[in-house]
Amino acid sequence: MIFESHAHLLSNKFENDRDEVIKRALENGVYAVLNVSDDLKTSIEAVKFSKQYNNIFSSAGIHPHNGMDFKDDDLIVIKQLALDPKTLAIGEIGLDYYYDFCDRNVQKEVFVKQLELAKSLDMPVIIHDREAHKDTIDTLNLFKGNLEGVIHCYSGSAESAKILLDMGYYISFTGVITFKNANKTIEALKAVPIDRLLLETDSPYLTPEPYRGKRNEPKNLVYIAKMMAQVKQVSYEFLLEKVWDNTFELFKKAKLYRKVLEEK
C-alpha cells in the first residue's frame, strides 16, 4: 500500500480526467493521496474535494509564489480549513529563490506566520524549499522542537538533510531520483533513514522515468518507490510497509481513516 504524500490533483492539467487519475492510482496500489494546496482558493477547494473520496485528504496553506497576495485575514480562513478532520497539514509553505515570483522578505514573513499557525494548532507542515536551503533551515530552526513536518521534493545536500532530520523532519523525494543526473539527490536519499522517508510524485510535475516529459500522476509512485528501495538496498515490499507507517506517524489525523483505507 502506498500513501501519496504530495500531489496537486486540482491542477488544471487534470481537468479532463481527474476521476480516472484517482482510479488509476488505486489500481496501482496508491490507497491514499494528500492533495496539497498552494493558495487560499485551492485550500478551500481541496477541503471540499476531500469529501468526495474516502482516500483523498487535503492541506491548507500559501505557497511562496503566492506570498504577494497574502493578507493576515487569510490565516483565519486557513485555520478554519485546518480544523477539518481530513485536512492533514499546513502547506505547502516555504521559500522559493529559484523563480523569485515574490519578494524574499515577504516570502519569509508569510512563511513564519504560517509556521506560527501550525504550531498553535499542533499540526504538521509541508515545506517547499527551492534554492533557499540556508534561509529555510534558519527559519525552521526558530521552531525546533515545536513543529514537525516534511521537506517535500527534497533538493538539498546530504549534509542539510542531516540538519533537518535532527530537527525532527521527514523528507520526501520525487521522480527526480530516477533521473540520470540525480547524483546529489541520490546521496541525500542515502543519508535519510527509512523511518523518516515519505513518498510523493508532486503531480502533475517531475514525472519519473520511464515517463519523463509526460504529465505526472500518483500511479507513477511505483517507479519512485522501486528506485528508493534500490538505493536503500531493501525490498520493495519492506520499503512500502515502512513508508506507509511513516506517513500516518506524521499526519496523525489520517490514523482515523487508516483501517478503512487498508480494507480496500
C-alpha atoms as a PDB file:
ATOM      1  CA  MET A   1       0.000   0.000   0.000  1.00  0.00           C
ATOM      2  CA  ILE A   2       1.227   3.463  -0.912  1.00  0.00           C
ATOM      3  CA  PHE A   3       0.329   6.847   0.599  1.00  0.00           C
ATOM      4  CA  GLU A   4       0.927   9.630  -1.921  1.00  0.00           C
ATOM      5  CA  SER A   5       2.045  12.452   0.377  1.00  0.00           C
ATOM      6  CA  HIS A   6       2.072  15.282  -2.164  1.00  0.00           C
ATOM      7  CA  ALA A   7       0.004  15.721  -5.325  1.00  0.00           C
ATOM      8  CA  HIS A   8      -1.851  18.648  -6.857  1.00  0.00           C
ATOM      9  CA  LEU A   9      -4.997  16.929  -8.066  1.00  0.00           C
ATOM     10  CA  LEU A  10      -6.831  20.214  -8.569  1.00  0.00           C
ATOM     11  CA  SER A  11      -4.325  21.337 -11.192  1.00  0.00           C
ATOM     12  CA  ASN A  12      -5.972  22.221 -14.492  1.00  0.00           C
ATOM     13  CA  LYS A  13      -3.770  19.534 -16.057  1.00  0.00           C
ATOM     14  CA  PHE A  14      -6.189  17.006 -14.536  1.00  0.00           C
ATOM     15  CA  GLU A  15      -9.301  18.880 -15.607  1.00  0.00           C
ATOM     16  CA  ASN A  16     -10.401  16.319 -18.183  1.00  0.00           C
ATOM     17  CA  ASP A  17      -9.704  13.028 -16.395  1.00  0.00           C
ATOM     18  CA  ARG A  18      -9.415  13.661 -12.646  1.00  0.00           C
ATOM     19  CA  ASP A  19     -11.659  10.728 -11.700  1.00  0.00           C
ATOM     20  CA  GLU A  20      -9.693   8.391 -13.959  1.00  0.00           C
ATOM     21  CA  VAL A  21      -6.404   9.597 -12.421  1.00  0.00           C
ATOM     22  CA  ILE A  22      -7.682   8.705  -8.959  1.00  0.00           C
ATOM     23  CA  LYS A  23      -8.954   5.341 -10.204  1.00  0.00           C
ATOM     24  CA  ARG A  24      -5.580   4.517 -11.831  1.00  0.00           C
ATOM     25  CA  ALA A  25      -3.807   5.437  -8.613  1.00  0.00           C
ATOM     26  CA  LEU A  26      -5.894   2.972  -6.623  1.00  0.00           C
ATOM     27  CA  GLU A  27      -5.373   0.249  -9.244  1.00  0.00           C
ATOM     28  CA  ASN A  28      -1.601   0.715  -8.829  1.00  0.00           C
ATOM     29  CA  GLY A  29      -1.620   0.401  -5.050  1.00  0.00           C
ATOM     30  CA  VAL A  30      -1.891   4.088  -4.153  1.00  0.00           C
ATOM     31  CA  TYR A  31      -4.519   3.769  -1.439  1.00  0.00           C
ATOM     32  CA  ALA A  32      -4.387   7.363  -0.164  1.00  0.00           C
ATOM     33  CA  VAL A  33      -3.493  10.757  -1.626  1.00  0.00           C
ATOM     34  CA  LEU A  34      -2.759  14.016   0.148  1.00  0.00           C
ATOM     35  CA  ASN A  35      -3.963  16.693  -2.245  1.00  0.00           C
ATOM     36  CA  VAL A  36      -1.769  19.704  -1.464  1.00  0.00           C
ATOM     37  CA  SER A  37      -2.828  23.348  -1.736  1.00  0.00           C
ATOM     38  CA  ASP A  38      -0.829  26.400  -2.803  1.00  0.00           C
ATOM     39  CA  ASP A  39      -3.148  29.384  -2.255  1.00  0.00           C
ATOM     40  CA  LEU A  40      -6.358  30.304  -0.472  1.00  0.00           C
ATOM     41  CA  LYS A  41      -8.586  29.224  -3.362  1.00  0.00           C
ATOM     42  CA  THR A  42      -7.061  25.753  -3.711  1.00  0.00           C
ATOM     43  CA  SER A  43      -7.077  25.356   0.075  1.00  0.00           C
ATOM     44  CA  ILE A  44     -10.834  25.886   0.149  1.00  0.00           C
ATOM     45  CA  GLU A  45     -11.385  23.675  -2.900  1.00  0.00           C
ATOM     46  CA  ALA A  46      -9.113  20.926  -1.530  1.00  0.00           C
ATOM     47  CA  VAL A  47     -11.171  20.545   1.633  1.00  0.00           C
ATOM     48  CA  LYS A  48     -14.369  20.292  -0.426  1.00  0.00           C
ATOM     49  CA  PHE A  49     -12.731  17.858  -2.831  1.00  0.00           C
ATOM     50  CA  SER A  50     -11.636  15.538   0.006  1.00  0.00           C
ATOM     51  CA  LYS A  51     -15.298  14.971   0.876  1.00  0.00           C
ATOM     52  CA  GLN A  52     -15.893  13.303  -2.482  1.00  0.00           C
ATOM     53  CA  TYR A  53     -13.455  10.411  -1.934  1.00  0.00           C
ATOM     54  CA  ASN A  54     -12.636   8.257   1.073  1.00  0.00           C
ATOM     55  CA  ASN A  55      -8.966   8.103   0.097  1.00  0.00           C
ATOM     56  CA  ILE A  56      -8.312  11.802  -0.648  1.00  0.00           C
ATOM     57  CA  PHE A  57      -7.031  14.190   2.030  1.00  0.00           C
ATOM     58  CA  SER A  58      -6.298  17.913   1.973  1.00  0.00           C
ATOM     59  CA  SER A  59      -3.873  20.553   3.185  1.00  0.00           C
ATOM     60  CA  ALA A  60      -4.258  24.313   3.597  1.00  0.00           C
ATOM     61  CA  GLY A  61      -1.587  26.928   3.043  1.00  0.00           C
ATOM     62  CA  ILE A  62       0.000  29.624   0.889  1.00  0.00           C
ATOM     63  CA  HIS A  63       2.903  28.685  -1.421  1.00  0.00           C
ATOM     64  CA  PRO A  64       5.817  31.160  -1.537  1.00  0.00           C
ATOM     65  CA  HIS A  65       4.960  32.009  -5.160  1.00  0.00           C
ATOM     66  CA  ASN A  66       1.683  33.482  -3.894  1.00  0.00           C
ATOM     67  CA  GLY A  67       3.040  35.443  -0.954  1.00  0.00           C
ATOM     68  CA  MET A  68       2.362  38.851  -2.526  1.00  0.00           C
ATOM     69  CA  ASP A  69      -1.375  38.116  -2.414  1.00  0.00           C
ATOM     70  CA  PHE A  70      -1.284  37.110   1.255  1.00  0.00           C
ATOM     71  CA  LYS A  71      -3.405  39.002   3.793  1.00  0.00           C
ATOM     72  CA  ASP A  72      -3.460  38.434   7.535  1.00  0.00           C
ATOM     73  CA  ASP A  73      -7.162  37.577   7.297  1.00  0.00           C
ATOM     74  CA  ASP A  74      -6.126  34.576   5.182  1.00  0.00           C
ATOM     75  CA  LEU A  75      -4.805  32.981   8.354  1.00  0.00           C
ATOM     76  CA  ILE A  76      -8.327  32.958   9.780  1.00  0.00           C
ATOM     77  CA  VAL A  77      -9.591  31.011   6.765  1.00  0.00           C
ATOM     78  CA  ILE A  78      -6.614  28.636   6.781  1.00  0.00           C
ATOM     79  CA  LYS A  79      -7.166  27.966  10.484  1.00  0.00           C
ATOM     80  CA  GLN A  80     -10.809  27.061   9.867  1.00  0.00           C
ATOM     81  CA  LEU A  81      -9.855  24.769   6.982  1.00  0.00           C
ATOM     82  CA  ALA A  82      -7.153  23.159   9.098  1.00  0.00           C
ATOM     83  CA  LEU A  83      -9.746  22.120  11.661  1.00  0.00           C
ATOM     84  CA  ASP A  84     -11.458  19.874   9.110  1.00  0.00           C
ATOM     85  CA  PRO A  85     -10.829  16.203  10.006  1.00  0.00           C
ATOM     86  CA  LYS A  86      -9.410  15.443   6.544  1.00  0.00           C
ATOM     87  CA  THR A  87      -7.016  18.404   6.489  1.00  0.00           C
ATOM     88  CA  LEU A  88      -3.733  16.813   7.477  1.00  0.00           C
ATOM     89  CA  ALA A  89      -1.212  19.661   7.341  1.00  0.00           C
ATOM     90  CA  ILE A  90      -0.439  23.328   6.793  1.00  0.00           C
ATOM     91  CA  GLY A  91       1.140  23.584   3.379  1.00  0.00           C
ATOM     92  CA  GLU A  92       2.677  23.826   1.121  1.00  0.00           C
ATOM     93  CA  ILE A  93       4.591  26.721   2.622  1.00  0.00           C
ATOM     94  CA  GLY A  94       8.202  27.825   2.479  1.00  0.00           C
ATOM     95  CA  LEU A  95      10.706  29.731   0.359  1.00  0.00           C
ATOM     96  CA  ASP A  96      11.487  29.748  -3.355  1.00  0.00           C
ATOM     97  CA  TYR A  97      14.516  31.726  -4.520  1.00  0.00           C
ATOM     98  CA  TYR A  98      14.682  29.991  -7.909  1.00  0.00           C
ATOM     99  CA  TYR A  99      11.784  31.840  -9.510  1.00  0.00           C
ATOM    100  CA  ASP A 100      11.577  34.760  -7.054  1.00  0.00           C
ATOM    101  CA  PHE A 101       7.943  35.409  -8.003  1.00  0.00           C
ATOM    102  CA  CYS A 102       7.542  37.013  -4.585  1.00  0.00           C
ATOM    103  CA  ASP A 103       9.859  39.393  -2.724  1.00  0.00           C
ATOM    104  CA  ARG A 104      12.112  37.334  -0.452  1.00  0.00           C
ATOM    105  CA  ASN A 105      11.318  39.347   2.671  1.00  0.00           C
ATOM    106  CA  VAL A 106       7.605  38.887   2.018  1.00  0.00           C
ATOM    107  CA  GLN A 107       8.170  35.143   1.497  1.00  0.00           C
ATOM    108  CA  LYS A 108       9.902  34.911   4.872  1.00  0.00           C
ATOM    109  CA  GLU A 109       7.156  36.874   6.633  1.00  0.00           C
ATOM    110  CA  VAL A 110       4.360  34.726   5.176  1.00  0.00           C
ATOM    111  CA  PHE A 111       6.358  31.567   5.916  1.00  0.00           C
ATOM    112  CA  VAL A 112       6.852  32.461   9.582  1.00  0.00           C
ATOM    113  CA  LYS A 113       3.199  33.410  10.079  1.00  0.00           C
ATOM    114  CA  GLN A 114       2.063  30.037   8.747  1.00  0.00           C
ATOM    115  CA  LEU A 115       4.623  28.183  10.848  1.00  0.00           C
ATOM    116  CA  GLU A 116       3.284  30.008  13.897  1.00  0.00           C
ATOM    117  CA  LEU A 117      -0.249  28.974  12.936  1.00  0.00           C
ATOM    118  CA  ALA A 118       0.804  25.337  12.557  1.00  0.00           C
ATOM    119  CA  LYS A 119       2.493  25.479  15.954  1.00  0.00           C
ATOM    120  CA  SER A 120      -0.631  26.904  17.585  1.00  0.00           C
ATOM    121  CA  LEU A 121      -2.745  24.133  16.014  1.00  0.00           C
ATOM    122  CA  ASP A 122      -0.191  21.387  16.708  1.00  0.00           C
ATOM    123  CA  MET A 123      -0.304  20.423  13.028  1.00  0.00           C
ATOM    124  CA  PRO A 124       2.500  19.245  10.749  1.00  0.00           C
ATOM    125  CA  VAL A 125       3.797  21.403   7.908  1.00  0.00           C
ATOM    126  CA  ILE A 126       4.643  20.662   4.279  1.00  0.00           C
ATOM    127  CA  ILE A 127       7.758  22.625   3.393  1.00  0.00           C
ATOM    128  CA  HIS A 128       8.703  23.932  -0.061  1.00  0.00           C
ATOM    129  CA  ASP A 129      12.389  24.834  -0.349  1.00  0.00           C
ATOM    130  CA  ARG A 130      13.918  25.705  -3.698  1.00  0.00           C
ATOM    131  CA  GLU A 131      17.345  27.337  -3.843  1.00  0.00           C
ATOM    132  CA  ALA A 132      16.706  28.673  -0.323  1.00  0.00           C
ATOM    133  CA  HIS A 133      18.272  25.977   1.820  1.00  0.00           C
ATOM    134  CA  LYS A 134      20.042  28.197   4.366  1.00  0.00           C
ATOM    135  CA  ASP A 135      17.109  30.532   4.977  1.00  0.00           C
ATOM    136  CA  THR A 136      14.709  27.579   5.157  1.00  0.00           C
ATOM    137  CA  ILE A 137      16.861  25.822   7.756  1.00  0.00           C
ATOM    138  CA  ASP A 138      17.396  29.036   9.734  1.00  0.00           C
ATOM    139  CA  THR A 139      13.653  29.739   9.772  1.00  0.00           C
ATOM    140  CA  LEU A 140      12.688  26.202  10.769  1.00  0.00           C
ATOM    141  CA  ASN A 141      15.343  26.283  13.475  1.00  0.00           C
ATOM    142  CA  LEU A 142      13.350  29.044  15.188  1.00  0.00           C
ATOM    143  CA  PHE A 143      10.638  26.448  15.784  1.00  0.00           C
ATOM    144  CA  LYS A 144      12.892  23.500  16.607  1.00  0.00           C
ATOM    145  CA  GLY A 145      11.164  21.116  18.978  1.00  0.00           C
ATOM    146  CA  ASN A 146       7.779  22.761  18.448  1.00  0.00           C
ATOM    147  CA  LEU A 147       6.931  21.672  14.914  1.00  0.00           C
ATOM    148  CA  GLU A 148       7.055  18.569  12.769  1.00  0.00           C
ATOM    149  CA  GLY A 149       6.586  18.136   9.078  1.00  0.00           C
ATOM    150  CA  VAL A 150       8.067  17.053   5.770  1.00  0.00           C
ATOM    151  CA  ILE A 151      10.528  18.728   3.437  1.00  0.00           C
ATOM    152  CA  HIS A 152       8.863  17.874   0.163  1.00  0.00           C
ATOM    153  CA  CYS A 153      10.639  17.352  -3.164  1.00  0.00           C
ATOM    154  CA  TYR A 154      13.978  17.438  -1.390  1.00  0.00           C
ATOM    155  CA  SER A 155      16.748  19.023  -3.449  1.00  0.00           C
ATOM    156  CA  GLY A 156      19.363  19.876  -0.842  1.00  0.00           C
ATOM    157  CA  SER A 157      22.576  18.149   0.152  1.00  0.00           C
ATOM    158  CA  ALA A 158      23.059  15.118   2.359  1.00  0.00           C
ATOM    159  CA  GLU A 159      24.562  17.433   4.978  1.00  0.00           C
ATOM    160  CA  SER A 160      21.487  19.697   5.001  1.00  0.00           C
ATOM    161  CA  ALA A 161      19.258  16.629   5.182  1.00  0.00           C
ATOM    162  CA  LYS A 162      21.007  15.573   8.389  1.00  0.00           C
ATOM    163  CA  ILE A 163      20.339  19.002   9.912  1.00  0.00           C
ATOM    164  CA  LEU A 164      16.650  18.759   9.034  1.00  0.00           C
ATOM    165  CA  LEU A 165      16.440  15.216  10.349  1.00  0.00           C
ATOM    166  CA  ASP A 166      17.938  16.431  13.624  1.00  0.00           C
ATOM    167  CA  MET A 167      15.096  18.952  13.823  1.00  0.00           C
ATOM    168  CA  GLY A 168      12.651  16.063  13.542  1.00  0.00           C
ATOM    169  CA  TYR A 169      11.517  16.491   9.947  1.00  0.00           C
ATOM    170  CA  TYR A 170      10.636  13.798   7.448  1.00  0.00           C
ATOM    171  CA  ILE A 171      11.979  14.083   3.911  1.00  0.00           C
ATOM    172  CA  SER A 172      10.302  13.088   0.660  1.00  0.00           C
ATOM    173  CA  PHE A 173      11.731  12.584  -2.807  1.00  0.00           C
ATOM    174  CA  THR A 174      10.079  12.790  -6.205  1.00  0.00           C
ATOM    175  CA  GLY A 175      10.707  11.266  -9.627  1.00  0.00           C
ATOM    176  CA  VAL A 176      13.971  13.223  -9.728  1.00  0.00           C
ATOM    177  CA  ILE A 177      15.675  10.222  -8.093  1.00  0.00           C
ATOM    178  CA  THR A 178      15.049   8.245 -11.302  1.00  0.00           C
ATOM    179  CA  PHE A 179      16.878  10.804 -13.474  1.00  0.00           C
ATOM    180  CA  LYS A 180      20.379  10.027 -14.784  1.00  0.00           C
ATOM    181  CA  ASN A 181      21.820  13.276 -13.403  1.00  0.00           C
ATOM    182  CA  ALA A 182      20.380  12.901  -9.895  1.00  0.00           C
ATOM    183  CA  ASN A 183      23.649  12.121  -8.092  1.00  0.00           C
ATOM    184  CA  LYS A 184      23.272  14.836  -5.438  1.00  0.00           C
ATOM    185  CA  THR A 185      19.691  13.824  -4.687  1.00  0.00           C
ATOM    186  CA  ILE A 186      20.628  10.144  -4.515  1.00  0.00           C
ATOM    187  CA  GLU A 187      23.369  10.956  -1.981  1.00  0.00           C
ATOM    188  CA  ALA A 188      20.816  12.843   0.093  1.00  0.00           C
ATOM    189  CA  LEU A 189      18.433   9.879  -0.113  1.00  0.00           C
ATOM    190  CA  LYS A 190      21.182   7.606   1.175  1.00  0.00           C
ATOM    191  CA  ALA A 191      21.532   9.860   4.222  1.00  0.00           C
ATOM    192  CA  VAL A 192      17.861   9.634   5.226  1.00  0.00           C
ATOM    193  CA  PRO A 193      16.831   6.665   7.411  1.00  0.00           C
ATOM    194  CA  ILE A 194      13.919   4.645   6.088  1.00  0.00           C
ATOM    195  CA  ASP A 195      11.792   5.561   9.095  1.00  0.00           C
ATOM    196  CA  ARG A 196      11.963   9.242   8.062  1.00  0.00           C
ATOM    197  CA  LEU A 197      11.059   8.876   4.377  1.00  0.00           C
ATOM    198  CA  LEU A 198       7.813   9.704   2.609  1.00  0.00           C
ATOM    199  CA  LEU A 199       6.738   9.062  -0.991  1.00  0.00           C
ATOM    200  CA  GLU A 200       5.427  11.725  -3.361  1.00  0.00           C
ATOM    201  CA  THR A 201       5.019  12.491  -7.044  1.00  0.00           C
ATOM    202  CA  ASP A 202       4.353  16.248  -6.831  1.00  0.00           C
ATOM    203  CA  SER A 203       1.926  15.531  -9.680  1.00  0.00           C
ATOM    204  CA  PRO A 204       1.481  16.810 -12.318  1.00  0.00           C
ATOM    205  CA  TYR A 205       5.178  17.743 -12.185  1.00  0.00           C
ATOM    206  CA  LEU A 206       8.501  15.851 -12.062  1.00  0.00           C
ATOM    207  CA  THR A 207       7.422  12.676 -13.827  1.00  0.00           C
ATOM    208  CA  PRO A 208       9.792   9.761 -13.170  1.00  0.00           C
ATOM    209  CA  GLU A 209      11.458   7.607 -15.760  1.00  0.00           C
ATOM    210  CA  PRO A 210      10.324   5.903 -17.939  1.00  0.00           C
ATOM    211  CA  TYR A 211       7.642   8.574 -18.500  1.00  0.00           C
ATOM    212  CA  ARG A 212       9.741  11.705 -18.007  1.00  0.00           C
ATOM    213  CA  GLY A 213       8.408  14.557 -20.122  1.00  0.00           C
ATOM    214  CA  LYS A 214       4.789  13.476 -19.797  1.00  0.00           C
ATOM    215  CA  ARG A 215       2.218  14.614 -17.251  1.00  0.00           C
ATOM    216  CA  ASN A 216       2.805  13.027 -13.867  1.00  0.00           C
ATOM    217  CA  GLU A 217       0.128  11.370 -11.744  1.00  0.00           C
ATOM    218  CA  PRO A 218       0.006   9.408  -8.458  1.00  0.00           C
ATOM    219  CA  LYS A 219       0.092   5.961 -10.112  1.00  0.00           C
ATOM    220  CA  ASN A 220       3.718   6.668 -11.044  1.00  0.00           C
ATOM    221  CA  LEU A 221       4.737   6.424  -7.405  1.00  0.00           C
ATOM    222  CA  VAL A 222       5.598   2.778  -8.053  1.00  0.00           C
ATOM    223  CA  TYR A 223       8.643   3.852 -10.107  1.00  0.00           C
ATOM    224  CA  ILE A 224       9.827   6.249  -7.415  1.00  0.00           C
ATOM    225  CA  ALA A 225       9.348   3.612  -4.721  1.00  0.00           C
ATOM    226  CA  LYS A 226      11.262   0.983  -6.683  1.00  0.00           C
ATOM    227  CA  MET A 227      14.215   3.328  -7.150  1.00  0.00           C
ATOM    228  CA  MET A 228      14.067   4.302  -3.483  1.00  0.00           C
ATOM    229  CA  ALA A 229      14.142   0.649  -2.440  1.00  0.00           C
ATOM    230  CA  GLN A 230      17.082   0.037  -4.751  1.00  0.00           C
ATOM    231  CA  VAL A 231      19.066   2.946  -3.322  1.00  0.00           C
ATOM    232  CA  LYS A 232      18.248   1.955   0.265  1.00  0.00           C
ATOM    233  CA  GLN A 233      19.069  -1.696  -0.535  1.00  0.00           C
ATOM    234  CA  VAL A 234      15.837  -3.084   0.863  1.00  0.00           C
ATOM    235  CA  SER A 235      12.972  -4.969  -0.716  1.00  0.00           C
ATOM    236  CA  TYR A 236      10.234  -3.019  -2.446  1.00  0.00           C
ATOM    237  CA  GLU A 237       7.634  -4.547  -0.120  1.00  0.00           C
ATOM    238  CA  PHE A 238       9.600  -3.608   3.013  1.00  0.00           C
ATOM    239  CA  LEU A 239      10.006  -0.028   1.830  1.00  0.00           C
ATOM    240  CA  LEU A 240       6.297   0.375   1.094  1.00  0.00           C
ATOM    241  CA  GLU A 241       5.356  -1.012   4.503  1.00  0.00           C
ATOM    242  CA  LYS A 242       7.719   1.326   6.334  1.00  0.00           C
ATOM    243  CA  VAL A 243       6.769   4.445   4.393  1.00  0.00           C
ATOM    244  CA  TRP A 244       3.053   3.675   4.786  1.00  0.00           C
ATOM    245  CA  ASP A 245       3.607   3.645   8.559  1.00  0.00           C
ATOM    246  CA  ASN A 246       5.742   6.797   8.401  1.00  0.00           C
ATOM    247  CA  THR A 247       3.016   8.763   6.691  1.00  0.00           C
ATOM    248  CA  PHE A 248       0.489   8.018   9.417  1.00  0.00           C
ATOM    249  CA  GLU A 249       3.062   8.830  12.080  1.00  0.00           C
ATOM    250  CA  LEU A 250       3.493  12.306  10.629  1.00  0.00           C
ATOM    251  CA  PHE A 251      -0.068  13.024   9.500  1.00  0.00           C
ATOM    252  CA  LYS A 252      -1.713  11.833  12.683  1.00  0.00           C
ATOM    253  CA  LYS A 253      -5.257  12.874  11.760  1.00  0.00           C
ATOM    254  CA  ALA A 254      -5.148  10.305   8.958  1.00  0.00           C
ATOM    255  CA  LYS A 255      -4.986   7.498  11.532  1.00  0.00           C
ATOM    256  CA  LEU A 256      -8.753   7.790  11.934  1.00  0.00           C
ATOM    257  CA  TYR A 257      -9.103   6.579   8.336  1.00  0.00           C
ATOM    258  CA  ARG A 258      -6.314   4.001   8.279  1.00  0.00           C
ATOM    259  CA  LYS A 259      -8.441   0.923   8.867  1.00  0.00           C
ATOM    260  CA  VAL A 260     -10.876   1.868   6.106  1.00  0.00           C
ATOM    261  CA  LEU A 261      -8.034   2.540   3.668  1.00  0.00           C
ATOM    262  CA  GLU A 262      -6.366  -0.792   4.410  1.00  0.00           C
ATOM    263  CA  GLU A 263      -9.578  -2.719   3.809  1.00  0.00           C
ATOM    264  CA  LYS A 264      -9.722  -1.674   0.130  1.00  0.00           C
END
